[in-house]
Amino acid sequence: MFVTPAYAQAAGAQGAFTSFIPLILIFAIMYFLLIRPQQKKVKEHAAMVDAVRRGDQIITQGGVIGKVVKVKDDGEVEVEIADGVKVRVIKATIAQVLSKTEPAK
C-alpha cells in the first residue's frame, strides 16, 4: 500500500532524465525543419553568386533587372540596366539569375 522511500527516489531520478527528452526532440525537429534547410539555401545562393559572369541577366533584391557587364574582385558587379546606364551592385544583393551565358572555351 505504501511506497517505500527507495522506490520513490528511483522514480524521481528517472523523471529528471525523462523531462529533458521533449526538449531534445523539439531541438531535433527544429534542426531538421528550419535550420538545415536554411543553411542549404544559403549555400545555394552563395554558389549562384560566385558563378555570376559577364553576360548573365540578373534580378537584384531591389527588383532591378539588368545584364552583368563586368564582375569585379571586391564583391561587386557592374550591371547595365538600360542602354548606356550602368550601376555597381554588391554581389550579395543578387536575388536571381534569369539567364546564364555559356562559359568561354
Protein backbone atom coordinates (compact mmCIF):
# COMPACT_ATOMS: atom_id res chain seq x y z
CA MET A 1 0.00 0.00 0.00
CA PHE A 2 2.71 2.49 0.92
CA VAL A 3 5.58 3.30 -1.40
CA THR A 4 8.99 2.60 0.04
CA PRO A 5 11.44 5.53 0.11
CA ALA A 6 13.94 3.69 -2.13
CA TYR A 7 11.33 3.19 -4.84
CA ALA A 8 10.28 6.85 -4.66
CA GLN A 9 13.88 8.04 -5.02
CA ALA A 10 14.47 5.87 -8.07
CA ALA A 11 11.34 7.22 -9.75
CA GLY A 12 12.46 10.81 -9.12
CA ALA A 13 15.86 10.27 -10.74
CA GLN A 14 14.27 8.69 -13.76
CA GLY A 15 11.77 11.54 -14.04
CA ALA A 16 14.56 14.15 -14.24
CA PHE A 17 16.04 12.46 -17.31
CA THR A 18 12.70 11.93 -18.99
CA SER A 19 11.83 15.60 -18.55
CA PHE A 20 14.70 16.51 -20.94
CA ILE A 21 13.54 14.14 -23.68
CA PRO A 22 10.85 16.52 -25.04
CA LEU A 23 13.37 19.37 -25.19
CA ILE A 24 15.82 17.20 -27.12
CA LEU A 25 13.07 16.11 -29.51
CA ILE A 26 11.94 19.71 -30.07
CA PHE A 27 15.51 20.77 -30.87
CA ALA A 28 15.93 17.86 -33.30
CA ILE A 29 12.68 18.70 -35.08
CA MET A 30 13.61 22.40 -35.30
CA TYR A 31 17.03 21.49 -36.70
CA PHE A 32 15.63 19.30 -39.47
CA LEU A 33 12.68 21.54 -40.34
CA LEU A 34 14.19 25.03 -40.02
CA ILE A 35 17.95 25.26 -39.53
CA ARG A 36 19.18 22.66 -42.02
CA PRO A 37 17.06 23.83 -44.99
CA GLN A 38 18.07 27.45 -44.34
CA GLN A 39 21.76 26.50 -44.36
CA LYS A 40 21.24 24.66 -47.64
CA LYS A 41 19.51 27.69 -49.16
CA VAL A 42 22.37 29.97 -48.08
CA LYS A 43 24.94 27.64 -49.67
CA GLU A 44 22.97 27.52 -52.94
CA HIS A 45 22.73 31.33 -53.02
CA ALA A 46 26.46 31.70 -52.38
CA ALA A 47 27.23 29.25 -55.20
CA MET A 48 24.88 31.13 -57.55
CA VAL A 49 26.51 34.48 -56.71
CA ASP A 50 30.02 33.07 -57.18
CA ALA A 51 29.03 31.67 -60.60
CA VAL A 52 27.81 35.03 -61.96
CA ARG A 53 29.75 36.09 -65.06
CA ARG A 54 29.64 38.72 -67.77
CA GLY A 55 26.52 38.48 -69.92
CA ASP A 56 24.20 36.98 -67.28
CA GLN A 57 20.82 38.61 -66.81
CA ILE A 58 20.06 39.10 -63.11
CA ILE A 59 17.45 40.43 -60.70
CA THR A 60 18.64 42.30 -57.60
CA GLN A 61 16.88 42.21 -54.26
CA GLY A 62 15.55 45.67 -55.02
CA GLY A 63 13.83 44.34 -58.13
CA VAL A 64 16.18 45.86 -60.70
CA ILE A 65 16.67 43.68 -63.78
CA GLY A 66 19.89 44.07 -65.71
CA LYS A 67 22.72 42.44 -67.60
CA VAL A 68 26.13 41.91 -65.97
CA VAL A 69 28.77 43.91 -67.82
CA LYS A 70 31.73 43.42 -65.51
CA VAL A 71 32.49 41.24 -62.47
CA LYS A 72 34.90 42.85 -60.02
CA ASP A 73 37.04 41.06 -57.44
CA ASP A 74 35.91 43.11 -54.45
CA GLY A 75 32.38 41.65 -54.31
CA GLU A 76 30.80 43.98 -56.85
CA VAL A 77 29.35 43.60 -60.31
CA GLU A 78 28.65 46.28 -62.88
CA VAL A 79 25.13 45.90 -64.26
CA GLU A 80 23.65 47.58 -67.32
CA ILE A 81 20.00 48.36 -66.60
CA ALA A 82 19.33 50.35 -69.80
CA ASP A 83 21.29 51.35 -72.89
CA GLY A 84 24.33 53.19 -71.58
CA VAL A 85 23.15 53.15 -67.94
CA LYS A 86 25.44 51.10 -65.72
CA VAL A 87 25.25 50.67 -61.95
CA ARG A 88 27.51 48.95 -59.46
CA VAL A 89 25.78 46.30 -57.37
CA ILE A 90 27.09 44.27 -54.44
CA LYS A 91 27.14 40.58 -55.35
CA ALA A 92 25.26 39.51 -52.23
CA THR A 93 22.22 41.56 -53.31
CA ILE A 94 21.69 39.43 -56.43
CA ALA A 95 18.42 37.59 -55.85
CA GLN A 96 18.14 35.53 -59.02
CA VAL A 97 19.98 34.79 -62.25
CA LEU A 98 17.47 34.80 -65.11
CA SER A 99 19.64 33.64 -67.99
CA LYS A 100 23.10 32.18 -67.83
CA THR A 101 25.71 32.63 -70.53
CA GLU A 102 27.88 29.77 -71.61
CA PRO A 103 31.44 29.86 -70.28
CA ALA A 104 34.16 30.83 -72.76
CA LYS A 105 36.12 27.87 -74.10
